[in-house]
Amino acid sequence: LIFLFILYLIFYVWYPEPFFTAQGGWQGIKLMVFVQLILGPSLTFIVFDHLKKRRAIIFDLSVITVLQSAALVWGGYQVYAQRPLALVFWHDAFYTVTADEYSVQGIDNPDFSLFSAHVPPLIYSRPLTTQLEMAQFRRLTEKKIPVYAHVSLYEKIEDNLSSVFSRGVDIEGMMSKNASMRSRLEKIIQGKVADYNYIALKAKYQNIILIFEENGNLVGEVKAPYF
């Protein structure tokens, strides 16, 4: 029951699409499978002996319960801390920004409503323009915080659609080399391919193409074979 509840959180709360595919939802599930369904039963199989005294059996199972509970807390925290919170456009593509990339900056709960009404939040990160911003960029880079996680550069995506759409990918070229991708895309779009804008999403585990209407509405996504 605990495992099923965590699966629900991963699928629908922590890693909703396109985050699940792009940012390693399956890797989080594999981690929890090991913690919940393999670690405890394996340890029990190793140490259990029906010839032991009842007190010894209770002690062994109590230790296993403590170990599995500790592993569960650790695994759940890792999956939770790596959950993506927003899609941020920077330079020529969208990037997923995870919770820990904000928390290391001392930002536990970014107020995305200031920049986006979308779910998930769609945010534009403008280019660096001042010496102060360059200094901050170098300081955060030393902490291995990517530039697209710098909240001070965030702007509303609706105010920068022309800049975003000017960086679109060559969707016709991609589809000409990938029939399965063409099939998936045609199931999503309603109308001509040219009626939509296609922007790359570069993520940890899977590159994706996001499909936008002219007004900035995100209508779907397809896996990208390459960029």
C-alpha atoms as a PDB file:
ATOM      1  CA  LEU A   1       0.000   0.000   0.000  1.00  0.00           C
ATOM      2  CA  ILE A   2       2.866   2.359   0.794  1.00  0.00           C
ATOM      3  CA  PHE A   3       4.480   1.530  -2.544  1.00  0.00           C
ATOM      4  CA  LEU A   4       1.223   2.152  -4.455  1.00  0.00           C
ATOM      5  CA  PHE A   5       0.821   5.515  -2.707  1.00  0.00           C
ATOM      6  CA  ILE A   6       4.363   6.520  -3.676  1.00  0.00           C
ATOM      7  CA  LEU A   7       3.667   5.409  -7.256  1.00  0.00           C
ATOM      8  CA  TYR A   8       0.677   7.741  -7.298  1.00  0.00           C
ATOM      9  CA  LEU A   9       2.834  10.630  -6.064  1.00  0.00           C
ATOM     10  CA  ILE A  10       5.500   9.952  -8.705  1.00  0.00           C
ATOM     11  CA  PHE A  11       3.040   9.623 -11.601  1.00  0.00           C
ATOM     12  CA  TYR A  12       0.628  12.439 -10.807  1.00  0.00           C
ATOM     13  CA  VAL A  13       2.198  14.844  -8.290  1.00  0.00           C
ATOM     14  CA  TRP A  14       5.996  14.823  -8.409  1.00  0.00           C
ATOM     15  CA  TYR A  15       6.636  13.783 -12.043  1.00  0.00           C
ATOM     16  CA  PRO A  16       3.583  14.508 -14.224  1.00  0.00           C
ATOM     17  CA  GLU A  17       4.256  14.430 -17.967  1.00  0.00           C
ATOM     18  CA  PRO A  18       6.381  15.632 -19.610  1.00  0.00           C
ATOM     19  CA  PHE A  19       8.485  15.466 -16.441  1.00  0.00           C
ATOM     20  CA  PHE A  20       8.035  11.705 -15.976  1.00  0.00           C
ATOM     21  CA  THR A  21       9.673  10.826 -19.285  1.00  0.00           C
ATOM     22  CA  ALA A  22      12.174  13.664 -19.390  1.00  0.00           C
ATOM     23  CA  GLN A  23      13.435  13.733 -15.832  1.00  0.00           C
ATOM     24  CA  GLY A  24      13.614  10.081 -14.807  1.00  0.00           C
ATOM     25  CA  GLY A  25      10.291   9.049 -13.362  1.00  0.00           C
ATOM     26  CA  TRP A  26      11.104   5.425 -14.141  1.00  0.00           C
ATOM     27  CA  GLN A  27      14.415   5.751 -12.306  1.00  0.00           C
ATOM     28  CA  GLY A  28      12.530   6.929  -9.233  1.00  0.00           C
ATOM     29  CA  ILE A  29      10.165   3.978  -9.490  1.00  0.00           C
ATOM     30  CA  LYS A  30      13.076   1.543  -9.809  1.00  0.00           C
ATOM     31  CA  LEU A  31      14.624   3.008  -6.668  1.00  0.00           C
ATOM     32  CA  MET A  32      11.393   2.591  -4.731  1.00  0.00           C
ATOM     33  CA  VAL A  33      10.902  -0.955  -6.076  1.00  0.00           C
ATOM     34  CA  PHE A  34      14.314  -1.881  -4.691  1.00  0.00           C
ATOM     35  CA  VAL A  35      13.589  -0.286  -1.333  1.00  0.00           C
ATOM     36  CA  GLN A  36      10.055  -1.573  -0.912  1.00  0.00           C
ATOM     37  CA  LEU A  37       9.862  -4.909  -2.711  1.00  0.00           C
ATOM     38  CA  ILE A  38      13.409  -6.276  -2.703  1.00  0.00           C
ATOM     39  CA  LEU A  39      15.388  -5.034   0.298  1.00  0.00           C
ATOM     40  CA  GLY A  40      13.027  -6.145   3.072  1.00  0.00           C
ATOM     41  CA  PRO A  41      12.048  -9.570   1.670  1.00  0.00           C
ATOM     42  CA  SER A  42      15.688 -10.333   0.747  1.00  0.00           C
ATOM     43  CA  LEU A  43      16.959  -9.543   4.234  1.00  0.00           C
ATOM     44  CA  THR A  44      14.145 -11.591   5.756  1.00  0.00           C
ATOM     45  CA  PHE A  45      15.007 -14.566   3.545  1.00  0.00           C
ATOM     46  CA  ILE A  46      18.666 -14.342   4.563  1.00  0.00           C
ATOM     47  CA  VAL A  47      18.248 -14.166   8.333  1.00  0.00           C
ATOM     48  CA  PHE A  48      15.012 -16.048   8.998  1.00  0.00           C
ATOM     49  CA  ASP A  49      15.374 -19.482  10.578  1.00  0.00           C
ATOM     50  CA  HIS A  50      12.338 -21.193  12.077  1.00  0.00           C
ATOM     51  CA  LEU A  51      14.657 -23.006  14.507  1.00  0.00           C
ATOM     52  CA  LYS A  52      15.544 -19.722  16.191  1.00  0.00           C
ATOM     53  CA  LYS A  53      13.900 -18.741  19.415  1.00  0.00           C
ATOM     54  CA  ARG A  54      10.892 -16.454  19.143  1.00  0.00           C
ATOM     55  CA  ARG A  55      12.774 -13.587  20.794  1.00  0.00           C
ATOM     56  CA  ALA A  56      15.607 -13.857  18.232  1.00  0.00           C
ATOM     57  CA  ILE A  57      13.159 -13.916  15.331  1.00  0.00           C
ATOM     58  CA  ILE A  58      11.381 -10.818  16.643  1.00  0.00           C
ATOM     59  CA  PHE A  59      14.725  -9.054  17.065  1.00  0.00           C
ATOM     60  CA  ASP A  60      15.833  -9.926  13.512  1.00  0.00           C
ATOM     61  CA  LEU A  61      12.574  -8.755  11.956  1.00  0.00           C
ATOM     62  CA  SER A  62      12.621  -5.561  14.026  1.00  0.00           C
ATOM     63  CA  VAL A  63      16.102  -4.724  12.760  1.00  0.00           C
ATOM     64  CA  ILE A  64      14.969  -5.388   9.175  1.00  0.00           C
ATOM     65  CA  THR A  65      11.928  -3.170   9.685  1.00  0.00           C
ATOM     66  CA  VAL A  66      14.119  -0.333  10.951  1.00  0.00           C
ATOM     67  CA  LEU A  67      16.546  -0.747   8.022  1.00  0.00           C
ATOM     68  CA  GLN A  68      13.756  -0.839   5.453  1.00  0.00           C
ATOM     69  CA  SER A  69      12.028   2.159   7.001  1.00  0.00           C
ATOM     70  CA  ALA A  70      15.275   4.146   6.931  1.00  0.00           C
ATOM     71  CA  ALA A  71      15.856   3.122   3.301  1.00  0.00           C
ATOM     72  CA  LEU A  72      12.271   4.095   2.465  1.00  0.00           C
ATOM     73  CA  VAL A  73      12.707   7.564   3.954  1.00  0.00           C
ATOM     74  CA  TRP A  74      16.022   8.020   2.138  1.00  0.00           C
ATOM     75  CA  GLY A  75      14.671   6.764  -1.202  1.00  0.00           C
ATOM     76  CA  GLY A  76      11.517   8.831  -0.934  1.00  0.00           C
ATOM     77  CA  TYR A  77      13.527  11.932  -0.129  1.00  0.00           C
ATOM     78  CA  GLN A  78      15.822  11.392  -3.126  1.00  0.00           C
ATOM     79  CA  VAL A  79      12.874  11.041  -5.494  1.00  0.00           C
ATOM     80  CA  TYR A  80      11.131  14.037  -3.921  1.00  0.00           C
ATOM     81  CA  ALA A  81      14.216  16.279  -3.941  1.00  0.00           C
ATOM     82  CA  GLN A  82      14.873  15.559  -7.620  1.00  0.00           C
ATOM     83  CA  ARG A  83      11.292  16.301  -8.669  1.00  0.00           C
ATOM     84  CA  PRO A  84      11.090  18.911 -11.453  1.00  0.00           C
ATOM     85  CA  LEU A  85       9.122  22.041 -10.659  1.00  0.00           C
ATOM     86  CA  ALA A  86       9.172  24.116 -13.836  1.00  0.00           C
ATOM     87  CA  LEU A  87      10.054  24.238 -17.518  1.00  0.00           C
ATOM     88  CA  VAL A  88      12.366  27.186 -18.131  1.00  0.00           C
ATOM     89  CA  PHE A  89      13.299  28.434 -21.597  1.00  0.00           C
ATOM     90  CA  TRP A  90      16.897  29.545 -21.857  1.00  0.00           C
ATOM     91  CA  HIS A  91      18.923  30.326 -24.988  1.00  0.00           C
ATOM     92  CA  ASP A  92      17.419  27.826 -27.458  1.00  0.00           C
ATOM     93  CA  ALA A  93      15.457  25.227 -25.485  1.00  0.00           C
ATOM     94  CA  PHE A  94      13.398  24.477 -22.403  1.00  0.00           C
ATOM     95  CA  TYR A  95      15.074  22.862 -19.402  1.00  0.00           C
ATOM     96  CA  THR A  96      13.616  21.129 -16.368  1.00  0.00           C
ATOM     97  CA  VAL A  97      14.511  22.751 -13.062  1.00  0.00           C
ATOM     98  CA  THR A  98      14.418  20.502 -10.020  1.00  0.00           C
ATOM     99  CA  ALA A  99      13.497  21.305  -6.441  1.00  0.00           C
ATOM    100  CA  ASP A 100      17.045  20.905  -5.154  1.00  0.00           C
ATOM    101  CA  GLU A 101      18.386  23.397  -7.733  1.00  0.00           C
ATOM    102  CA  TYR A 102      16.192  25.995  -6.035  1.00  0.00           C
ATOM    103  CA  SER A 103      16.696  24.803  -2.456  1.00  0.00           C
ATOM    104  CA  VAL A 104      20.500  25.138  -2.649  1.00  0.00           C
ATOM    105  CA  GLN A 105      19.867  28.816  -3.403  1.00  0.00           C
ATOM    106  CA  GLY A 106      17.759  29.107  -0.262  1.00  0.00           C
ATOM    107  CA  ILE A 107      14.513  29.142  -2.281  1.00  0.00           C
ATOM    108  CA  ASP A 108      12.241  26.415  -0.964  1.00  0.00           C
ATOM    109  CA  ASN A 109       8.964  27.469  -2.574  1.00  0.00           C
ATOM    110  CA  PRO A 110       9.421  29.599  -5.717  1.00  0.00           C
ATOM    111  CA  ASP A 111       6.328  31.675  -6.482  1.00  0.00           C
ATOM    112  CA  PHE A 112       5.838  30.608 -10.087  1.00  0.00           C
ATOM    113  CA  SER A 113       2.490  32.416 -10.264  1.00  0.00           C
ATOM    114  CA  LEU A 114       4.494  35.617 -10.796  1.00  0.00           C
ATOM    115  CA  PHE A 115       5.661  34.283 -14.149  1.00  0.00           C
ATOM    116  CA  SER A 116       3.234  31.639 -15.347  1.00  0.00           C
ATOM    117  CA  ALA A 117      -0.318  30.373 -14.991  1.00  0.00           C
ATOM    118  CA  HIS A 118       0.520  27.131 -16.801  1.00  0.00           C
ATOM    119  CA  VAL A 119       0.728  23.702 -15.199  1.00  0.00           C
ATOM    120  CA  PRO A 120       3.576  22.852 -15.214  1.00  0.00           C
ATOM    121  CA  PRO A 121       4.935  26.424 -15.056  1.00  0.00           C
ATOM    122  CA  LEU A 122       6.417  27.685 -18.343  1.00  0.00           C
ATOM    123  CA  ILE A 123       8.991  30.420 -17.731  1.00  0.00           C
ATOM    124  CA  TYR A 124      11.319  32.523 -19.877  1.00  0.00           C
ATOM    125  CA  SER A 125      14.871  33.153 -18.648  1.00  0.00           C
ATOM    126  CA  ARG A 126      16.250  36.284 -20.270  1.00  0.00           C
ATOM    127  CA  PRO A 127      19.908  36.739 -21.264  1.00  0.00           C
ATOM    128  CA  LEU A 128      22.415  38.239 -18.854  1.00  0.00           C
ATOM    129  CA  THR A 129      22.715  42.000 -19.367  1.00  0.00           C
ATOM    130  CA  THR A 130      24.653  43.598 -16.491  1.00  0.00           C
ATOM    131  CA  GLN A 131      27.959  43.100 -14.695  1.00  0.00           C
ATOM    132  CA  LEU A 132      26.056  42.375 -11.487  1.00  0.00           C
ATOM    133  CA  GLU A 133      24.160  39.572 -13.215  1.00  0.00           C
ATOM    134  CA  MET A 134      27.418  38.187 -14.621  1.00  0.00           C
ATOM    135  CA  ALA A 135      28.923  38.160 -11.130  1.00  0.00           C
ATOM    136  CA  GLN A 136      25.877  36.363  -9.763  1.00  0.00           C
ATOM    137  CA  PHE A 137      26.067  33.910 -12.669  1.00  0.00           C
ATOM    138  CA  ARG A 138      29.680  33.053 -11.841  1.00  0.00           C
ATOM    139  CA  ARG A 139      28.884  32.689  -8.138  1.00  0.00           C
ATOM    140  CA  LEU A 140      25.972  30.304  -8.748  1.00  0.00           C
ATOM    141  CA  THR A 141      27.863  28.404 -11.434  1.00  0.00           C
ATOM    142  CA  GLU A 142      30.589  27.650  -8.897  1.00  0.00           C
ATOM    143  CA  LYS A 143      27.857  25.927  -6.867  1.00  0.00           C
ATOM    144  CA  LYS A 144      26.886  23.948 -10.005  1.00  0.00           C
ATOM    145  CA  ILE A 145      23.564  25.757 -10.322  1.00  0.00           C
ATOM    146  CA  PRO A 146      22.657  26.119 -14.020  1.00  0.00           C
ATOM    147  CA  VAL A 147      21.812  29.542 -15.402  1.00  0.00           C
ATOM    148  CA  TYR A 148      18.217  28.524 -16.147  1.00  0.00           C
ATOM    149  CA  ALA A 149      17.677  28.081 -12.387  1.00  0.00           C
ATOM    150  CA  HIS A 150      18.542  31.725 -11.661  1.00  0.00           C
ATOM    151  CA  VAL A 151      15.187  33.137 -10.549  1.00  0.00           C
ATOM    152  CA  SER A 152      16.356  36.760 -10.931  1.00  0.00           C
ATOM    153  CA  LEU A 153      16.328  36.284 -14.733  1.00  0.00           C
ATOM    154  CA  TYR A 154      12.784  34.944 -14.964  1.00  0.00           C
ATOM    155  CA  GLU A 155      10.098  36.636 -17.051  1.00  0.00           C
ATOM    156  CA  LYS A 156       6.635  35.705 -18.261  1.00  0.00           C
ATOM    157  CA  ILE A 157       6.646  33.332 -21.211  1.00  0.00           C
ATOM    158  CA  GLU A 158       3.701  35.182 -22.806  1.00  0.00           C
ATOM    159  CA  ASP A 159       5.811  38.352 -23.066  1.00  0.00           C
ATOM    160  CA  ASN A 160       8.573  36.514 -24.921  1.00  0.00           C
ATOM    161  CA  LEU A 161       6.781  34.127 -27.290  1.00  0.00           C
ATOM    162  CA  SER A 162       8.440  35.581 -30.371  1.00  0.00           C
ATOM    163  CA  SER A 163      11.897  34.924 -28.912  1.00  0.00           C
ATOM    164  CA  VAL A 164      10.901  31.395 -27.884  1.00  0.00           C
ATOM    165  CA  PHE A 165       9.276  30.441 -31.176  1.00  0.00           C
ATOM    166  CA  SER A 166      12.200  31.824 -33.192  1.00  0.00           C
ATOM    167  CA  ARG A 167      14.264  28.996 -31.689  1.00  0.00           C
ATOM    168  CA  GLY A 168      11.996  26.229 -32.935  1.00  0.00           C
ATOM    169  CA  VAL A 169      13.377  22.897 -34.137  1.00  0.00           C
ATOM    170  CA  ASP A 170      13.217  21.575 -37.713  1.00  0.00           C
ATOM    171  CA  ILE A 171      10.217  19.342 -37.137  1.00  0.00           C
ATOM    172  CA  GLU A 172       9.813  18.431 -40.809  1.00  0.00           C
ATOM    173  CA  GLY A 173      13.417  17.264 -40.986  1.00  0.00           C
ATOM    174  CA  MET A 174      13.007  15.156 -37.852  1.00  0.00           C
ATOM    175  CA  MET A 175       9.775  13.562 -39.030  1.00  0.00           C
ATOM    176  CA  SER A 176      11.266  12.688 -42.410  1.00  0.00           C
ATOM    177  CA  LYS A 177      13.783  10.465 -40.619  1.00  0.00           C
ATOM    178  CA  ASN A 178      11.491   9.038 -37.946  1.00  0.00           C
ATOM    179  CA  ALA A 179       8.151   7.515 -38.982  1.00  0.00           C
ATOM    180  CA  SER A 180       7.094   6.629 -35.441  1.00  0.00           C
ATOM    181  CA  MET A 181       7.628  10.214 -34.330  1.00  0.00           C
ATOM    182  CA  ARG A 182       5.481  11.451 -37.230  1.00  0.00           C
ATOM    183  CA  SER A 183       2.727   9.057 -36.189  1.00  0.00           C
ATOM    184  CA  ARG A 184       2.787  10.242 -32.571  1.00  0.00           C
ATOM    185  CA  LEU A 185       2.807  13.874 -33.631  1.00  0.00           C
ATOM    186  CA  GLU A 186      -0.159  13.495 -35.980  1.00  0.00           C
ATOM    187  CA  LYS A 187      -2.221  12.043 -33.128  1.00  0.00           C
ATOM    188  CA  ILE A 188      -1.652  15.195 -31.072  1.00  0.00           C
ATOM    189  CA  ILE A 189      -1.983  18.088 -33.478  1.00  0.00           C
ATOM    190  CA  GLN A 190      -5.280  19.183 -34.962  1.00  0.00           C
ATOM    191  CA  GLY A 191      -4.501  20.724 -38.328  1.00  0.00           C
ATOM    192  CA  LYS A 192      -1.359  21.286 -40.347  1.00  0.00           C
ATOM    193  CA  VAL A 193       2.105  20.765 -38.919  1.00  0.00           C
ATOM    194  CA  ALA A 194       2.956  24.356 -39.790  1.00  0.00           C
ATOM    195  CA  ASP A 195       0.126  25.634 -37.560  1.00  0.00           C
ATOM    196  CA  TYR A 196       2.149  24.837 -34.433  1.00  0.00           C
ATOM    197  CA  ASN A 197       5.520  25.704 -32.911  1.00  0.00           C
ATOM    198  CA  TYR A 198       7.985  23.021 -31.835  1.00  0.00           C
ATOM    199  CA  ILE A 199      10.519  23.762 -29.104  1.00  0.00           C
ATOM    200  CA  ALA A 200      13.160  21.430 -27.698  1.00  0.00           C
ATOM    201  CA  LEU A 201      13.066  20.279 -24.075  1.00  0.00           C
ATOM    202  CA  LYS A 202      16.515  19.149 -22.983  1.00  0.00           C
ATOM    203  CA  ALA A 203      16.339  16.966 -19.908  1.00  0.00           C
ATOM    204  CA  LYS A 204      18.365  14.457 -17.929  1.00  0.00           C
ATOM    205  CA  TYR A 205      17.056  11.219 -19.418  1.00  0.00           C
ATOM    206  CA  GLN A 206      15.061  12.012 -22.554  1.00  0.00           C
ATOM    207  CA  ASN A 207      14.986  14.922 -24.975  1.00  0.00           C
ATOM    208  CA  ILE A 208      11.450  15.942 -25.895  1.00  0.00           C
ATOM    209  CA  ILE A 209       9.768  18.283 -28.352  1.00  0.00           C
ATOM    210  CA  LEU A 210       7.069  20.491 -26.859  1.00  0.00           C
ATOM    211  CA  ILE A 211       4.171  21.464 -29.140  1.00  0.00           C
ATOM    212  CA  PHE A 212       2.749  24.978 -28.786  1.00  0.00           C
ATOM    213  CA  GLU A 213      -0.110  26.887 -30.315  1.00  0.00           C
ATOM    214  CA  GLU A 214       0.562  30.435 -31.492  1.00  0.00           C
ATOM    215  CA  ASN A 215      -0.928  31.851 -28.283  1.00  0.00           C
ATOM    216  CA  GLY A 216       1.610  29.937 -26.177  1.00  0.00           C
ATOM    217  CA  ASN A 217      -0.713  27.132 -25.101  1.00  0.00           C
ATOM    218  CA  LEU A 218       1.154  23.842 -24.622  1.00  0.00           C
ATOM    219  CA  VAL A 219      -0.861  21.109 -26.353  1.00  0.00           C
ATOM    220  CA  GLY A 220       1.449  18.090 -26.040  1.00  0.00           C
ATOM    221  CA  GLU A 221       4.890  16.599 -26.442  1.00  0.00           C
ATOM    222  CA  VAL A 222       6.723  13.848 -28.334  1.00  0.00           C
ATOM    223  CA  LYS A 223       9.996  12.107 -27.647  1.00  0.00           C
ATOM    224  CA  ALA A 224      12.856  13.465 -29.731  1.00  0.00           C
ATOM    225  CA  PRO A 225      15.330  11.094 -31.423  1.00  0.00           C
ATOM    226  CA  TYR A 226      18.040  13.780 -31.498  1.00  0.00           C
ATOM    227  CA  PHE A 227      18.709  17.531 -31.527  1.00  0.00           C
END
